[in-house]
Protein backbone atom coordinates (compact mmCIF):
# COMPACT_ATOMS: atom_id res chain seq x y z
CA MET A 1 113.42 46.65 7.52
CA HIS A 2 116.85 47.78 7.61
CA ARG A 3 118.75 47.42 11.36
CA GLN A 4 118.80 50.72 13.14
CA ILE A 5 121.78 52.96 12.48
CA ALA A 6 123.01 56.33 14.08
CA LEU A 7 124.00 59.41 12.15
CA LEU A 8 127.35 60.61 13.81
CA GLU A 9 128.38 64.29 13.39
CA ASN A 10 131.91 65.05 12.35
CA ASP A 11 134.10 67.77 10.80
CA SER A 12 131.58 68.84 8.19
CA GLN A 13 129.65 70.72 11.56
CA LEU A 14 132.40 72.94 11.59
CA HIS A 15 132.21 74.10 7.99
CA LEU A 16 128.46 74.20 7.79
CA PHE A 17 128.56 77.64 9.29
CA PRO A 18 126.46 79.39 10.21
CA PHE A 19 123.69 76.91 10.04
CA THR A 20 125.45 73.94 12.50
CA LEU A 21 126.00 76.89 15.21
CA THR A 22 121.93 76.10 16.29
CA ARG A 23 121.65 72.37 14.91
CA SER A 24 123.04 69.46 14.14
CA VAL A 25 124.26 69.05 10.16
CA ALA A 26 121.95 66.03 10.51
CA ASP A 27 119.05 68.56 10.61
CA LEU A 28 119.69 70.69 7.69
CA ARG A 29 116.55 70.83 5.04
CA ILE A 30 117.54 69.49 1.84
CA GLY A 31 114.30 69.21 -0.44
CA LEU A 32 111.25 68.07 1.66
CA PHE A 33 113.04 66.94 4.46
CA THR A 34 115.78 66.98 6.72
CA ILE A 35 118.68 64.77 6.72
CA ARG A 36 117.67 62.73 9.76
CA GLU A 37 114.05 62.59 8.40
CA LYS A 38 114.78 61.31 4.87
CA TRP A 39 117.04 58.67 6.91
CA ALA A 40 114.32 58.06 9.37
CA LEU A 41 111.86 57.59 6.34
CA ALA A 42 113.84 55.46 4.57
CA LEU A 43 114.77 53.13 7.25
CA GLY A 44 111.32 53.24 8.76
CA ARG A 45 112.22 54.16 11.99
CA PRO A 46 113.35 57.18 14.10
CA VAL A 47 117.49 57.75 13.65
CA GLU A 48 119.61 59.20 16.71
CA VAL A 49 122.55 61.83 16.21
CA MET A 50 125.42 61.42 18.19
CA ALA A 51 128.46 63.60 18.40
CA ALA A 52 131.96 62.62 17.05
CA ALA A 53 133.02 61.54 20.65
CA ALA A 54 129.73 58.96 21.26
CA GLY A 55 130.83 57.04 18.15
CA PRO A 56 133.26 54.37 19.84
CA GLU A 57 130.70 54.00 22.79
CA THR A 58 127.56 53.16 20.40
CA ASN A 59 126.75 49.47 19.88
CA LEU A 60 124.88 50.75 16.66
CA PRO A 61 126.53 51.24 13.14
CA THR A 62 127.05 54.67 12.45
CA ILE A 63 126.94 56.67 9.36
CA PRO A 64 128.25 60.30 8.55
CA ALA A 65 125.54 62.70 9.43
CA ASN A 66 126.70 65.30 6.66
CA LEU A 67 125.68 61.99 4.24
CA VAL A 68 122.38 62.68 2.11
CA PRO A 69 120.78 59.49 1.14
CA THR A 70 119.37 60.19 -2.77
CA ASP A 71 119.28 56.78 -3.91
CA PRO A 72 116.74 53.97 -2.81
CA LEU A 73 118.21 52.16 0.28
CA PRO A 74 119.29 48.42 -1.39
CA ASP A 75 117.58 45.00 -0.44
CA GLY A 76 118.82 43.85 3.15
CA THR A 77 119.35 44.39 6.57
CA ASP A 78 122.64 46.04 6.17
CA ILE A 79 123.73 48.83 4.26
CA PRO A 80 126.93 48.17 1.94
CA ASP A 81 129.83 50.46 1.81
CA SER A 82 129.55 50.35 -1.98
CA TRP A 83 126.15 52.43 -1.30
CA LEU A 84 126.86 54.83 0.89
CA ALA A 85 130.30 55.52 -0.96
CA MET A 86 127.67 56.78 -3.57
CA GLN A 87 125.54 59.19 -1.72
CA PRO A 88 126.58 62.75 -1.75
CA ARG A 89 128.36 64.12 1.19
CA LEU A 90 127.44 67.87 2.68
CA GLU A 91 130.71 69.59 3.31
CA ARG A 92 130.01 73.22 2.70
CA PRO A 93 126.60 75.38 2.50
CA TRP A 94 126.82 76.28 -0.79
CA GLN A 95 126.35 72.86 -1.85
CA MET A 96 122.69 72.72 -0.63
CA PRO A 97 121.25 74.29 -3.08
CA ARG A 98 123.15 72.32 -5.77
CA LEU A 99 121.65 68.67 -4.43
CA ASN A 100 118.13 70.43 -4.19
CA ARG A 101 116.91 69.36 -7.43
CA ASP A 102 117.78 65.83 -6.81
CA ALA A 103 116.74 65.72 -3.20
CA ILE A 104 113.25 66.86 -3.94
CA LEU A 105 112.77 64.36 -7.01
CA ARG A 106 113.74 61.88 -4.08
CA ASP A 107 111.32 63.08 -1.75
CA VAL A 108 108.36 63.46 -3.83
CA ALA A 109 108.80 60.23 -4.72
CA LEU A 110 109.20 58.77 -1.23
CA VAL A 111 105.97 61.21 -0.54
CA ARG A 112 103.63 59.31 -3.31
CA SER A 113 105.36 55.83 -2.16
CA THR A 114 102.98 56.12 1.02
CA ARG A 115 100.32 58.91 0.35
CA THR A 116 97.85 59.82 -2.53
CA SER A 117 97.46 63.54 -3.56
CA VAL A 118 94.52 65.83 -3.22
CA ALA A 119 92.92 66.66 -6.50
CA LEU A 120 94.34 69.91 -7.72
CA PRO A 121 91.46 72.85 -7.98
CA ALA A 122 89.74 73.59 -11.60
CA HIS A 123 90.79 76.79 -11.53
CA VAL A 124 94.69 76.32 -11.37
CA ARG A 125 96.69 76.45 -14.67
CA VAL A 126 98.67 73.39 -14.75
CA ILE A 127 101.23 71.44 -16.71
CA ASN A 128 101.75 67.84 -16.26
CA PRO A 129 98.97 67.30 -13.30
CA ASP A 130 100.28 64.10 -12.62
CA GLN A 131 104.21 65.70 -11.14
CA VAL A 132 102.25 67.65 -9.08
CA PHE A 133 101.42 66.45 -5.09
CA VAL A 134 98.96 68.31 -3.05
CA GLU A 135 98.44 67.42 0.73
CA PRO A 136 95.45 67.94 2.37
CA GLY A 137 94.57 71.27 3.44
CA ALA A 138 96.56 72.87 1.17
CA ARG A 139 94.57 75.85 -0.44
CA ILE A 140 95.62 76.79 -4.09
CA GLU A 141 94.37 79.68 -5.74
CA HIS A 142 94.32 81.21 -9.27
CA CYS A 143 97.78 80.31 -10.16
CA ILE A 144 100.26 78.61 -12.47
CA LEU A 145 101.85 75.49 -11.83
CA ASN A 146 104.28 73.86 -14.50
CA ALA A 147 105.79 70.30 -13.12
CA SER A 148 107.01 69.71 -16.98
CA ASP A 149 110.85 69.99 -15.44
CA GLY A 150 110.43 68.46 -12.29
CA PRO A 151 107.74 67.86 -9.59
CA ILE A 152 105.72 70.24 -7.59
CA TYR A 153 105.12 69.72 -3.70
CA ILE A 154 102.47 71.93 -2.26
CA GLY A 155 102.34 70.50 1.97
CA ARG A 156 99.75 70.50 4.29
CA ASP A 157 97.92 73.67 5.00
CA ALA A 158 100.05 75.61 2.55
CA LEU A 159 98.47 78.57 0.52
CA VAL A 160 99.34 79.50 -2.96
CA MET A 161 97.95 82.86 -3.62
CA ASP A 162 96.19 84.19 -7.00
CA GLY A 163 98.91 85.02 -9.92
CA ALA A 164 101.83 83.16 -8.22
CA MET A 165 104.19 81.17 -10.89
CA ILE A 166 105.79 77.65 -10.04
CA ARG A 167 108.39 75.89 -12.16
CA GLY A 168 109.37 72.68 -10.57
CA PRO A 169 110.92 70.96 -8.87
CA VAL A 170 109.28 73.12 -6.04
CA ALA A 171 108.85 71.98 -2.59
CA VAL A 172 106.12 74.39 -0.88
CA CYS A 173 106.29 72.86 3.15
CA GLU A 174 103.53 72.67 5.51
CA GLY A 175 102.41 76.10 6.24
CA ALA A 176 104.44 77.71 3.61
CA VAL A 177 102.45 80.75 1.80
CA VAL A 178 103.65 81.60 -1.90
CA LYS A 179 102.24 85.04 -2.28
CA MET A 180 100.36 86.78 -4.84
CA GLY A 181 102.86 87.17 -8.61
CA ALA A 182 105.57 85.37 -6.72
CA MET A 183 108.28 83.58 -9.23
CA VAL A 184 109.35 80.51 -8.01
CA TYR A 185 111.94 78.09 -10.29
CA GLY A 186 113.21 75.28 -9.86
CA ALA A 187 115.02 73.57 -7.32
CA THR A 188 113.59 75.58 -4.63
CA THR A 189 112.25 74.45 -0.94
CA ILE A 190 110.23 76.62 0.94
CA GLY A 191 110.26 75.69 4.44
CA PRO A 192 107.36 75.20 7.06
CA TYR A 193 105.52 78.41 7.88
CA SER A 194 107.76 80.43 5.79
CA VAL A 195 106.28 82.82 3.10
CA VAL A 196 107.44 83.82 0.02
CA GLY A 197 107.09 86.59 -2.74
CA GLY A 198 109.02 88.15 -5.76
CA GLU A 199 111.28 85.96 -7.04
CA VAL A 200 113.22 82.98 -6.07
CA LYS A 201 115.37 80.65 -7.71
CA ASN A 202 117.03 77.85 -6.97
CA SER A 203 117.06 78.30 -2.85
CA ILE A 204 116.19 76.98 0.38
CA LEU A 205 114.50 78.39 3.29
CA MET A 206 114.79 76.12 6.18
CA GLY A 207 111.81 77.07 8.25
CA PHE A 208 109.52 79.75 9.68
CA SER A 209 111.47 82.47 7.29
CA ASN A 210 110.03 84.94 5.32
CA LYS A 211 110.88 86.53 1.68
CA ALA A 212 107.44 88.21 1.73
CA HIS A 213 108.09 90.96 -0.94
CA GLU A 214 109.78 92.01 -3.94
CA GLY A 215 113.81 91.23 -4.41
CA TYR A 216 115.50 88.33 -5.74
CA LEU A 217 117.36 85.84 -4.06
CA GLY A 218 118.68 82.98 -5.72
CA ASP A 219 121.15 80.45 -4.99
CA ALA A 220 121.23 81.08 -1.51
CA VAL A 221 120.09 79.74 1.82
CA VAL A 222 118.31 80.98 4.54
CA GLY A 223 118.25 79.70 7.85
CA GLU A 224 114.95 79.16 10.26
CA TRP A 225 113.47 82.70 11.78
CA CYS A 226 114.94 84.93 9.22
CA ASN A 227 113.15 87.99 7.67
CA LEU A 228 114.20 89.61 4.46
CA GLY A 229 112.64 93.62 4.24
CA ALA A 230 110.95 94.72 1.16
CA GLY A 231 112.93 95.05 -1.58
CA THR A 232 115.86 93.01 -0.32
CA SER A 233 117.85 91.37 -3.46
CA CYS A 234 120.53 89.05 -3.19
CA SER A 235 123.19 88.97 -5.84
CA ASN A 236 124.45 85.19 -7.24
CA LEU A 237 126.83 86.15 -10.14
CA LYS A 238 129.69 88.47 -9.97
CA ASN A 239 129.72 90.85 -12.39
CA SER A 240 133.05 89.45 -14.05
CA ALA A 241 131.42 85.89 -13.89
CA ARG A 242 134.81 84.69 -11.72
CA PRO A 243 134.25 82.69 -8.94
CA VAL A 244 132.26 83.59 -6.19
CA GLU A 245 134.47 83.53 -2.91
CA VAL A 246 132.61 82.52 0.38
CA TRP A 247 134.22 83.19 3.81
CA ASN A 248 134.72 80.24 5.85
CA ALA A 249 134.30 81.11 9.69
CA HIS A 250 136.54 77.90 10.78
CA LEU A 251 139.05 78.38 8.66
CA GLN A 252 139.14 82.21 8.88
CA ALA A 253 139.85 82.12 4.96
CA TRP A 254 137.99 82.51 1.64
CA GLU A 255 136.81 79.67 -0.31
CA SER A 256 135.57 79.59 -3.94
CA ALA A 257 131.76 77.90 -4.30
CA GLY A 258 132.37 78.02 -7.97
CA ALA A 259 130.66 80.63 -10.57
CA LYS A 260 127.28 80.85 -8.17
CA CYS A 261 126.36 81.65 -4.78
CA GLY A 262 123.89 83.70 -3.17
CA LEU A 263 122.96 84.73 0.42
CA ILE A 264 124.17 82.21 3.09
CA MET A 265 121.86 83.42 6.05
CA GLY A 266 122.25 81.91 9.74
CA ASP A 267 118.56 81.33 12.02
CA PHE A 268 117.13 84.62 13.92
CA SER A 269 118.97 86.96 11.43
CA ARG A 270 116.67 90.16 9.67
CA SER A 271 117.51 92.78 6.68
CA ALA A 272 115.79 96.02 6.18
CA ILE A 273 113.82 97.34 3.47
CA ASN A 274 116.11 97.57 0.02
CA THR A 275 119.21 95.86 1.71
CA ALA A 276 121.64 94.85 -1.36
CA PHE A 277 123.58 91.36 -0.39
CA ASN A 278 126.92 91.07 -2.21
CA THR A 279 127.30 87.61 -3.96
CA GLY A 280 128.29 85.02 -1.64
CA SER A 281 126.93 86.87 1.66
CA VAL A 282 127.45 85.09 4.98
CA THR A 283 125.68 86.22 7.91
CA GLY A 284 125.61 85.00 11.42
CA ILE A 285 122.87 84.09 13.49
CA CYS A 286 120.93 87.08 14.99
CA CYS A 287 122.06 89.87 12.79
CA ASN A 288 120.02 92.98 12.31
CA ILE A 289 120.73 93.88 9.13
CA PHE A 290 120.90 97.85 8.05
CA GLY A 291 122.79 100.43 6.24
CA ASP A 292 123.26 102.93 4.03
CA GLY A 293 122.13 101.19 0.63
CA SER A 294 125.04 100.19 -0.55
CA LEU A 295 126.01 96.37 -0.96
CA THR A 296 126.61 94.68 2.31
CA PRO A 297 129.99 92.58 3.54
CA LYS A 298 130.66 89.63 2.28
CA TYR A 299 130.91 88.45 6.14
CA ILE A 300 128.50 89.47 8.68
CA PRO A 301 129.87 88.09 12.03
CA SER A 302 126.73 86.77 14.66
CA PHE A 303 124.95 89.63 16.54
CA SER A 304 125.45 92.41 14.37
CA TRP A 305 123.40 95.62 14.36
CA GLY A 306 123.60 97.32 11.16
CA VAL A 307 126.71 96.57 8.74
CA HIS A 308 128.78 99.70 9.61
CA THR A 309 128.09 100.69 12.66
CA GLY A 310 131.00 98.66 14.76
CA GLN A 311 127.52 97.51 17.28
CA ARG A 312 126.54 94.68 18.56
CA TYR A 313 122.89 93.29 19.00
CA GLU A 314 122.33 93.60 22.93
CA LEU A 315 121.85 89.92 24.14
CA THR A 316 118.45 90.82 26.00
CA ARG A 317 117.19 92.99 22.80
CA ALA A 318 117.92 90.22 20.73
CA LEU A 319 116.19 87.43 22.80
CA GLU A 320 113.00 90.34 22.90
CA ASP A 321 112.95 90.49 19.25
CA ILE A 322 113.27 86.87 18.83
CA ARG A 323 110.50 86.58 20.86
CA THR A 324 108.39 88.93 18.70
CA TRP A 325 108.78 87.32 15.78
CA MET A 326 107.97 83.93 16.76
CA GLY A 327 104.88 85.50 18.58
CA PHE A 328 103.97 86.25 14.99
CA LYS A 329 103.57 82.63 14.44
CA ASN A 330 102.39 81.67 17.27
CA ARG A 331 105.55 79.82 18.63
CA GLU A 332 107.44 80.21 21.74
CA LEU A 333 111.39 80.04 21.82
CA ASP A 334 112.28 76.70 23.05
CA PRO A 335 114.53 77.43 26.33
CA ALA A 336 117.22 75.06 25.52
CA MET A 337 117.64 77.44 22.44
CA GLU A 338 117.35 80.45 24.48
CA GLN A 339 120.54 78.85 26.11
CA LEU A 340 122.49 78.03 23.17
CA ILE A 341 121.67 81.74 21.73
CA GLN A 342 123.31 82.66 25.35
CA GLN A 343 126.18 80.51 24.88
CA ILE A 344 127.23 81.93 21.16
CA HIS A 345 126.59 85.47 22.27
CA SER A 346 129.01 84.80 24.87
CA LEU A 347 131.76 83.39 22.40
CA HIS A 348 131.44 85.88 19.52
């Protein structure tokens, strides 16, 4: 077993807005697991995350919290610098979908090393069944699973409904639902207790979020407790095919994200039916997004009430709505998260 380590936060925390408003970079999900969970599985022990200022005060060896382990750890108690240098570092949110394919492959391999898949039902149409891993309690109805381009993972108590089409590599995490007729392309992660319908490609829903109806989501990252209303679609490619510019809230500047970048949506944000998100749109947390049917602005600040109203989501109402949405999935708002939301509201 490798020695104990700590994950040390760094400047990446500032540039991974809006997701790091409400969590450490170590708790961002890529593939099946968060970065923290990946390290814990690789090391065989829980991993602590420390703020940057705590680094010199700890006796534990530290590793940057934004370093994503993609290769098996080398043998030995210490992790060599040469191995660390080969692992990708997460610096911007649009990198997450680009890392997702390799992350799913690595994470499924980790799962296979310790557990055995449940047998697929006979009524499922499957290509390359050896690359499909099913956890106990998952329900798989009359659907099509194509694992020829990468593995498909279906988590505990997940549901894949009739007519869904999934092409790997894809992770359907614990309690997630893939609705009837959904088209899910790799490399996509449907986080725990999330719901997906329509067409989704190369995207990450981190957990407890819904894109339950028709509409397109591609090259996107959606935080926790978000809801995309029916017909919501999200552009990921400019008509000119020129590089996509994405707003960096920390630098207060536009940055190039390359040829493709879809929606980047912070926790607790929601869109009305038929919302059309512009290419590379960034929303803060706790936004209620609605408008006149035209493309959204490229940047929607936290606690926005609509996109052209100039109004702000009143804090008491925002918290009431969050509790209602969480109640739909039998969850309650954690007091620490409520306090954090209040702090963010006071600063934005």
